């Protein structure tokens, strides 16, 4: 089986746990890529 890369980029983390909800074992992030055209939440 071969590996297929669909998306590859470098992201900068803007916030940790941006929402009000807190989860015990999970940290949610908000990050953007270097040219700011993609937001990862």
Protein backbone atom coordinates (compact mmCIF):
# COMPACT_ATOMS: atom_id res chain seq x y z
CA UNK A 1 0.00 0.00 0.00
CA UNK A 2 1.42 3.39 -0.94
CA UNK A 3 1.04 6.58 1.07
CA UNK A 4 -0.75 9.47 -0.61
CA UNK A 5 -0.21 13.00 0.70
CA UNK A 6 -3.26 15.15 0.01
CA UNK A 7 -2.26 18.28 1.91
CA UNK A 8 1.03 19.42 3.40
CA UNK A 9 1.80 22.82 4.91
CA UNK A 10 3.30 24.53 7.96
CA UNK A 11 0.86 26.03 10.46
CA UNK A 12 1.29 28.63 13.22
CA UNK A 13 -0.80 27.97 16.33
CA UNK A 14 -2.81 31.08 17.24
CA UNK A 15 -4.79 29.81 20.25
CA UNK A 16 -5.07 26.81 22.53
CA UNK A 17 -8.63 25.92 23.57
CA UNK A 18 -10.25 28.89 21.74
CA UNK A 19 -13.80 27.94 22.75
CA UNK A 20 -15.28 28.23 26.21
CA UNK A 21 -15.79 24.46 26.49
CA UNK A 22 -12.97 22.59 28.25
CA UNK A 23 -12.20 18.93 27.76
CA UNK A 24 -10.14 16.99 30.31
CA UNK A 25 -7.73 15.10 28.06
CA UNK A 26 -7.95 17.13 24.84
CA UNK A 27 -6.42 20.46 23.86
CA UNK A 28 -8.07 22.07 20.87
CA UNK A 29 -6.05 24.42 18.67
CA UNK A 30 -6.69 27.18 16.19
CA UNK A 31 -3.92 27.56 13.63
CA UNK A 32 -3.30 29.22 10.27
CA UNK A 33 -0.84 28.45 7.53
CA UNK A 34 1.99 30.77 6.56
CA UNK A 35 0.20 32.57 3.73
CA UNK A 36 -3.03 32.82 5.82
CA UNK A 37 -5.30 31.21 3.23
CA UNK A 38 -6.14 28.17 5.34
CA UNK A 39 -7.45 28.07 8.91
CA UNK A 40 -7.30 24.86 10.93
CA UNK A 41 -9.63 24.57 13.92
